[in-house]
């Protein structure tokens, strides 16, 4: 069995963080999943989170949510 690549790990962790961010938005605002996804994907956090070299994806999703809500 081969070890996962850095890219595979980054993708997995980013996907997990995004799903948690969407959940937090839905819980806090009562909006639909579609609206929550739109808010997360259009946030200023999104490009930074997707930058594998920055490794922001290793942070706790609750912390990432705080960053996103602060308008990072």
PDB file of N, CA and C in Angstrom:
ATOM      1  N   UNK A   1       0.848  -1.181   0.000  1.00  0.00           N
ATOM      2  CA  UNK A   1       0.000   0.000   0.000  1.00  0.00           C
ATOM      3  C   UNK A   1       0.891   1.241   0.000  1.00  0.00           C
ATOM      4  N   UNK A   2       0.564   2.167  -0.883  1.00  0.00           N
ATOM      5  CA  UNK A   2       1.376   3.373  -1.003  1.00  0.00           C
ATOM      6  C   UNK A   2       0.869   4.462  -0.066  1.00  0.00           C
ATOM      7  N   UNK A   3       1.767   5.335   0.296  1.00  0.00           N
ATOM      8  CA  UNK A   3       1.429   6.468   1.143  1.00  0.00           C
ATOM      9  C   UNK A   3       0.721   7.524   0.308  1.00  0.00           C
ATOM     10  N   UNK A   4      -0.248   8.221   0.905  1.00  0.00           N
ATOM     11  CA  UNK A   4      -0.900   9.298   0.149  1.00  0.00           C
ATOM     12  C   UNK A   4       0.084  10.431  -0.108  1.00  0.00           C
ATOM     13  N   UNK A   5      -0.111  11.096  -1.217  1.00  0.00           N
ATOM     14  CA  UNK A   5       0.752  12.218  -1.563  1.00  0.00           C
ATOM     15  C   UNK A   5       0.329  13.455  -0.764  1.00  0.00           C
ATOM     16  N   UNK A   6       1.197  14.442  -0.755  1.00  0.00           N
ATOM     17  CA  UNK A   6       0.878  15.707  -0.079  1.00  0.00           C
ATOM     18  C   UNK A   6      -0.388  16.308  -0.677  1.00  0.00           C
ATOM     19  N   UNK A   7      -0.503  16.243  -1.984  1.00  0.00           N
ATOM     20  CA  UNK A   7      -1.677  16.787  -2.666  1.00  0.00           C
ATOM     21  C   UNK A   7      -2.955  16.060  -2.233  1.00  0.00           C
ATOM     22  N   UNK A   8      -2.907  14.749  -2.132  1.00  0.00           N
ATOM     23  CA  UNK A   8      -4.079  13.978  -1.720  1.00  0.00           C
ATOM     24  C   UNK A   8      -4.498  14.333  -0.287  1.00  0.00           C
ATOM     25  N   UNK A   9      -3.528  14.480   0.591  1.00  0.00           N
ATOM     26  CA  UNK A   9      -3.817  14.850   1.973  1.00  0.00           C
ATOM     27  C   UNK A   9      -4.421  16.250   2.021  1.00  0.00           C
ATOM     28  N   UNK A  10      -3.820  17.171   1.282  1.00  0.00           N
ATOM     29  CA  UNK A  10      -4.318  18.550   1.250  1.00  0.00           C
ATOM     30  C   UNK A  10      -5.747  18.596   0.724  1.00  0.00           C
ATOM     31  N   UNK A  11      -6.021  17.842  -0.310  1.00  0.00           N
ATOM     32  CA  UNK A  11      -7.364  17.808  -0.888  1.00  0.00           C
ATOM     33  C   UNK A  11      -8.373  17.256   0.108  1.00  0.00           C
ATOM     34  N   UNK A  12      -8.021  16.187   0.767  1.00  0.00           N
ATOM     35  CA  UNK A  12      -8.911  15.583   1.752  1.00  0.00           C
ATOM     36  C   UNK A  12      -9.219  16.568   2.884  1.00  0.00           C
ATOM     37  N   UNK A  13      -8.179  17.187   3.434  1.00  0.00           N
ATOM     38  CA  UNK A  13      -8.364  18.107   4.554  1.00  0.00           C
ATOM     39  C   UNK A  13      -9.122  19.369   4.135  1.00  0.00           C
ATOM     40  N   UNK A  14      -8.866  19.842   2.932  1.00  0.00           N
ATOM     41  CA  UNK A  14      -9.590  21.014   2.425  1.00  0.00           C
ATOM     42  C   UNK A  14     -11.066  20.687   2.254  1.00  0.00           C
ATOM     43  N   UNK A  15     -11.359  19.544   1.673  1.00  0.00           N
ATOM     44  CA  UNK A  15     -12.754  19.128   1.492  1.00  0.00           C
ATOM     45  C   UNK A  15     -13.471  19.003   2.832  1.00  0.00           C
ATOM     46  N   UNK A  16     -12.773  18.439   3.819  1.00  0.00           N
ATOM     47  CA  UNK A  16     -13.361  18.307   5.150  1.00  0.00           C
ATOM     48  C   UNK A  16     -13.647  19.692   5.737  1.00  0.00           C
ATOM     49  N   UNK A  17     -12.683  20.583   5.654  1.00  0.00           N
ATOM     50  CA  UNK A  17     -12.858  21.933   6.194  1.00  0.00           C
ATOM     51  C   UNK A  17     -14.026  22.633   5.504  1.00  0.00           C
ATOM     52  N   UNK A  18     -14.134  22.496   4.195  1.00  0.00           N
ATOM     53  CA  UNK A  18     -15.229  23.137   3.464  1.00  0.00           C
ATOM     54  C   UNK A  18     -16.584  22.602   3.895  1.00  0.00           C
ATOM     55  N   UNK A  19     -16.685  21.302   4.093  1.00  0.00           N
ATOM     56  CA  UNK A  19     -17.966  20.737   4.522  1.00  0.00           C
ATOM     57  C   UNK A  19     -18.340  21.247   5.912  1.00  0.00           C
ATOM     58  N   UNK A  20     -17.348  21.385   6.783  1.00  0.00           N
ATOM     59  CA  UNK A  20     -17.617  21.910   8.123  1.00  0.00           C
ATOM     60  C   UNK A  20     -17.999  23.391   8.061  1.00  0.00           C
ATOM     61  N   UNK A  21     -17.341  24.156   7.220  1.00  0.00           N
ATOM     62  CA  UNK A  21     -17.672  25.575   7.073  1.00  0.00           C
ATOM     63  C   UNK A  21     -19.108  25.750   6.596  1.00  0.00           C
ATOM     64  N   UNK A  22     -19.516  24.949   5.645  1.00  0.00           N
ATOM     65  CA  UNK A  22     -20.886  25.015   5.144  1.00  0.00           C
ATOM     66  C   UNK A  22     -21.861  24.691   6.273  1.00  0.00           C
ATOM     67  N   UNK A  23     -21.547  23.683   7.048  1.00  0.00           N
ATOM     68  CA  UNK A  23     -22.405  23.299   8.177  1.00  0.00           C
ATOM     69  C   UNK A  23     -22.520  24.447   9.182  1.00  0.00           C
ATOM     70  N   UNK A  24     -21.393  25.078   9.508  1.00  0.00           N
ATOM     71  CA  UNK A  24     -21.413  26.198  10.454  1.00  0.00           C
ATOM     72  C   UNK A  24     -22.261  27.357   9.941  1.00  0.00           C
ATOM     73  N   UNK A  25     -22.129  27.672   8.663  1.00  0.00           N
ATOM     74  CA  UNK A  25     -22.922  28.769   8.084  1.00  0.00           C
ATOM     75  C   UNK A  25     -24.411  28.442   8.181  1.00  0.00           C
ATOM     76  N   UNK A  26     -24.763  27.217   7.854  1.00  0.00           N
ATOM     77  CA  UNK A  26     -26.169  26.818   7.922  1.00  0.00           C
ATOM     78  C   UNK A  26     -26.699  26.915   9.351  1.00  0.00           C
ATOM     79  N   UNK A  27     -25.910  26.455  10.317  1.00  0.00           N
ATOM     80  CA  UNK A  27     -26.338  26.487  11.714  1.00  0.00           C
ATOM     81  C   UNK A  27     -26.483  27.916  12.224  1.00  0.00           C
ATOM     82  N   UNK A  28     -25.545  28.785  11.854  1.00  0.00           N
ATOM     83  CA  UNK A  28     -25.561  30.156  12.365  1.00  0.00           C
ATOM     84  C   UNK A  28     -26.594  31.059  11.692  1.00  0.00           C
ATOM     85  N   UNK A  29     -26.879  30.797  10.433  1.00  0.00           N
ATOM     86  CA  UNK A  29     -27.759  31.705   9.698  1.00  0.00           C
ATOM     87  C   UNK A  29     -29.123  31.111   9.373  1.00  0.00           C
ATOM     88  N   UNK A  30     -29.231  29.800   9.444  1.00  0.00           N
ATOM     89  CA  UNK A  30     -30.488  29.158   9.086  1.00  0.00           C
ATOM     90  C   UNK A  30     -30.750  29.121   7.594  1.00  0.00           C
ATOM     91  N   UNK A  31     -29.725  29.388   6.813  1.00  0.00           N
ATOM     92  CA  UNK A  31     -29.895  29.396   5.358  1.00  0.00           C
ATOM     93  C   UNK A  31     -29.858  27.965   4.805  1.00  0.00           C
ATOM     94  N   UNK A  32     -30.182  27.847   3.539  1.00  0.00           N
ATOM     95  CA  UNK A  32     -30.169  26.546   2.866  1.00  0.00           C
ATOM     96  C   UNK A  32     -28.728  26.115   2.597  1.00  0.00           C
ATOM     97  N   UNK A  33     -28.563  24.856   2.265  1.00  0.00           N
ATOM     98  CA  UNK A  33     -27.228  24.353   1.950  1.00  0.00           C
ATOM     99  C   UNK A  33     -26.665  25.061   0.722  1.00  0.00           C
ATOM    100  N   UNK A  34     -27.507  25.349  -0.243  1.00  0.00           N
ATOM    101  CA  UNK A  34     -27.045  26.038  -1.449  1.00  0.00           C
ATOM    102  C   UNK A  34     -26.519  27.431  -1.118  1.00  0.00           C
ATOM    103  N   UNK A  35     -27.252  28.145  -0.255  1.00  0.00           N
ATOM    104  CA  UNK A  35     -26.819  29.481   0.137  1.00  0.00           C
ATOM    105  C   UNK A  35     -25.532  29.421   0.957  1.00  0.00           C
ATOM    106  N   UNK A  36     -25.431  28.418   1.816  1.00  0.00           N
ATOM    107  CA  UNK A  36     -24.223  28.271   2.637  1.00  0.00           C
ATOM    108  C   UNK A  36     -23.012  27.958   1.767  1.00  0.00           C
ATOM    109  N   UNK A  37     -23.188  27.080   0.800  1.00  0.00           N
ATOM    110  CA  UNK A  37     -22.094  26.756  -0.117  1.00  0.00           C
ATOM    111  C   UNK A  37     -21.654  28.007  -0.868  1.00  0.00           C
ATOM    112  N   UNK A  38     -22.622  28.773  -1.335  1.00  0.00           N
ATOM    113  CA  UNK A  38     -22.298  30.007  -2.062  1.00  0.00           C
ATOM    114  C   UNK A  38     -21.509  30.970  -1.178  1.00  0.00           C
ATOM    115  N   UNK A  39     -21.924  31.118   0.060  1.00  0.00           N
ATOM    116  CA  UNK A  39     -21.216  32.023   0.982  1.00  0.00           C
ATOM    117  C   UNK A  39     -19.783  31.564   1.218  1.00  0.00           C
ATOM    118  N   UNK A  40     -19.612  30.272   1.430  1.00  0.00           N
ATOM    119  CA  UNK A  40     -18.267  29.751   1.697  1.00  0.00           C
ATOM    120  C   UNK A  40     -17.388  29.891   0.461  1.00  0.00           C
ATOM    121  N   UNK A  41     -17.890  29.470  -0.689  1.00  0.00           N
ATOM    122  CA  UNK A  41     -17.080  29.486  -1.901  1.00  0.00           C
ATOM    123  C   UNK A  41     -16.800  30.895  -2.413  1.00  0.00           C
ATOM    124  N   UNK A  42     -17.623  31.863  -2.044  1.00  0.00           N
ATOM    125  CA  UNK A  42     -17.395  33.241  -2.450  1.00  0.00           C
ATOM    126  C   UNK A  42     -16.678  34.059  -1.380  1.00  0.00           C
ATOM    127  N   UNK A  43     -16.305  33.430  -0.287  1.00  0.00           N
ATOM    128  CA  UNK A  43     -15.637  34.148   0.802  1.00  0.00           C
ATOM    129  C   UNK A  43     -14.187  34.459   0.433  1.00  0.00           C
ATOM    130  N   UNK A  44     -13.639  35.431   1.125  1.00  0.00           N
ATOM    131  CA  UNK A  44     -12.230  35.768   0.902  1.00  0.00           C
ATOM    132  C   UNK A  44     -11.294  34.690   1.434  1.00  0.00           C
ATOM    133  N   UNK A  45     -11.817  33.808   2.268  1.00  0.00           N
ATOM    134  CA  UNK A  45     -11.009  32.707   2.812  1.00  0.00           C
ATOM    135  C   UNK A  45     -10.730  31.634   1.761  1.00  0.00           C
ATOM    136  N   UNK A  46     -11.641  31.460   0.818  1.00  0.00           N
ATOM    137  CA  UNK A  46     -11.569  30.341  -0.126  1.00  0.00           C
ATOM    138  C   UNK A  46     -10.243  30.248  -0.888  1.00  0.00           C
ATOM    139  N   UNK A  47      -9.760  31.301  -1.531  1.00  0.00           N
ATOM    140  CA  UNK A  47      -8.498  31.160  -2.270  1.00  0.00           C
ATOM    141  C   UNK A  47      -7.316  30.840  -1.353  1.00  0.00           C
ATOM    142  N   UNK A  48      -7.362  31.373  -0.145  1.00  0.00           N
ATOM    143  CA  UNK A  48      -6.270  31.120   0.793  1.00  0.00           C
ATOM    144  C   UNK A  48      -6.322  29.673   1.267  1.00  0.00           C
ATOM    145  N   UNK A  49      -7.527  29.177   1.510  1.00  0.00           N
ATOM    146  CA  UNK A  49      -7.694  27.796   1.951  1.00  0.00           C
ATOM    147  C   UNK A  49      -7.255  26.813   0.872  1.00  0.00           C
ATOM    148  N   UNK A  50      -7.468  27.157  -0.378  1.00  0.00           N
ATOM    149  CA  UNK A  50      -7.119  26.263  -1.476  1.00  0.00           C
ATOM    150  C   UNK A  50      -5.632  26.291  -1.830  1.00  0.00           C
ATOM    151  N   UNK A  51      -4.888  27.214  -1.276  1.00  0.00           N
ATOM    152  CA  UNK A  51      -3.450  27.297  -1.534  1.00  0.00           C
ATOM    153  C   UNK A  51      -2.732  26.230  -0.709  1.00  0.00           C
ATOM    154  N   UNK A  52      -2.304  25.170  -1.359  1.00  0.00           N
ATOM    155  CA  UNK A  52      -1.669  24.053  -0.655  1.00  0.00           C
ATOM    156  C   UNK A  52      -0.388  24.470   0.059  1.00  0.00           C
ATOM    157  N   UNK A  53       0.326  25.413  -0.489  1.00  0.00           N
ATOM    158  CA  UNK A  53       1.592  25.824   0.124  1.00  0.00           C
ATOM    159  C   UNK A  53       1.363  26.573   1.437  1.00  0.00           C
ATOM    160  N   UNK A  54       0.236  27.251   1.552  1.00  0.00           N
ATOM    161  CA  UNK A  54      -0.071  27.975   2.776  1.00  0.00           C
ATOM    162  C   UNK A  54      -0.473  27.072   3.927  1.00  0.00           C
ATOM    163  N   UNK A  55      -0.937  25.888   3.593  1.00  0.00           N
ATOM    164  CA  UNK A  55      -1.327  24.854   4.552  1.00  0.00           C
ATOM    165  C   UNK A  55      -2.345  25.326   5.592  1.00  0.00           C
ATOM    166  N   UNK A  56      -3.207  26.264   5.215  1.00  0.00           N
ATOM    167  CA  UNK A  56      -4.256  26.711   6.126  1.00  0.00           C
ATOM    168  C   UNK A  56      -5.260  25.589   6.380  1.00  0.00           C
ATOM    169  N   UNK A  57      -5.369  24.655   5.457  1.00  0.00           N
ATOM    170  CA  UNK A  57      -6.310  23.541   5.568  1.00  0.00           C
ATOM    171  C   UNK A  57      -6.045  22.638   6.776  1.00  0.00           C
ATOM    172  N   UNK A  58      -4.880  22.757   7.417  1.00  0.00           N
ATOM    173  CA  UNK A  58      -4.588  21.923   8.593  1.00  0.00           C
ATOM    174  C   UNK A  58      -5.192  22.519   9.864  1.00  0.00           C
ATOM    175  N   UNK A  59      -5.711  23.728   9.787  1.00  0.00           N
ATOM    176  CA  UNK A  59      -6.300  24.382  10.953  1.00  0.00           C
ATOM    177  C   UNK A  59      -7.683  23.805  11.257  1.00  0.00           C
ATOM    178  N   UNK A  60      -8.097  23.971  12.489  1.00  0.00           N
ATOM    179  CA  UNK A  60      -9.403  23.516  12.926  1.00  0.00           C
ATOM    180  C   UNK A  60     -10.497  24.264  12.150  1.00  0.00           C
ATOM    181  N   UNK A  61     -11.510  23.556  11.656  1.00  0.00           N
ATOM    182  CA  UNK A  61     -12.575  24.230  10.910  1.00  0.00           C
ATOM    183  C   UNK A  61     -13.266  25.350  11.693  1.00  0.00           C
ATOM    184  N   UNK A  62     -13.369  25.224  13.012  1.00  0.00           N
ATOM    185  CA  UNK A  62     -13.981  26.292  13.811  1.00  0.00           C
ATOM    186  C   UNK A  62     -13.140  27.567  13.730  1.00  0.00           C
ATOM    187  N   UNK A  63     -11.832  27.413  13.747  1.00  0.00           N
ATOM    188  CA  UNK A  63     -10.929  28.560  13.598  1.00  0.00           C
ATOM    189  C   UNK A  63     -11.065  29.158  12.198  1.00  0.00           C
ATOM    190  N   UNK A  64     -11.139  28.299  11.196  1.00  0.00           N
ATOM    191  CA  UNK A  64     -11.303  28.774   9.825  1.00  0.00           C
ATOM    192  C   UNK A  64     -12.618  29.532   9.671  1.00  0.00           C
ATOM    193  N   UNK A  65     -13.650  29.071  10.355  1.00  0.00           N
ATOM    194  CA  UNK A  65     -14.948  29.758  10.306  1.00  0.00           C
ATOM    195  C   UNK A  65     -14.837  31.154  10.906  1.00  0.00           C
ATOM    196  N   UNK A  66     -14.123  31.254  12.020  1.00  0.00           N
ATOM    197  CA  UNK A  66     -13.910  32.575  12.632  1.00  0.00           C
ATOM    198  C   UNK A  66     -13.172  33.503  11.674  1.00  0.00           C
ATOM    199  N   UNK A  67     -12.163  32.961  10.996  1.00  0.00           N
ATOM    200  CA  UNK A  67     -11.443  33.769  10.014  1.00  0.00           C
ATOM    201  C   UNK A  67     -12.355  34.224   8.894  1.00  0.00           C
ATOM    202  N   UNK A  68     -13.160  33.288   8.401  1.00  0.00           N
ATOM    203  CA  UNK A  68     -14.063  33.599   7.311  1.00  0.00           C
ATOM    204  C   UNK A  68     -15.067  34.677   7.730  1.00  0.00           C
ATOM    205  N   UNK A  69     -15.614  34.559   8.920  1.00  0.00           N
ATOM    206  CA  UNK A  69     -16.622  35.508   9.388  1.00  0.00           C
ATOM    207  C   UNK A  69     -16.013  36.886   9.696  1.00  0.00           C
ATOM    208  N   UNK A  70     -14.713  36.899   9.983  1.00  0.00           N
ATOM    209  CA  UNK A  70     -14.063  38.185  10.254  1.00  0.00           C
ATOM    210  C   UNK A  70     -13.746  38.928   8.958  1.00  0.00           C
ATOM    211  N   UNK A  71     -13.954  38.270   7.828  1.00  0.00           N
ATOM    212  CA  UNK A  71     -13.709  38.901   6.537  1.00  0.00           C
ATOM    213  C   UNK A  71     -12.278  38.828   6.090  1.00  0.00           C
ATOM    214  N   UNK A  72     -11.534  37.971   6.708  1.00  0.00           N
ATOM    215  CA  UNK A  72     -10.110  37.752   6.410  1.00  0.00           C
ATOM    216  C   UNK A  72      -9.649  38.459   5.190  1.00  0.00           C
TER     217      UNK A  72
END
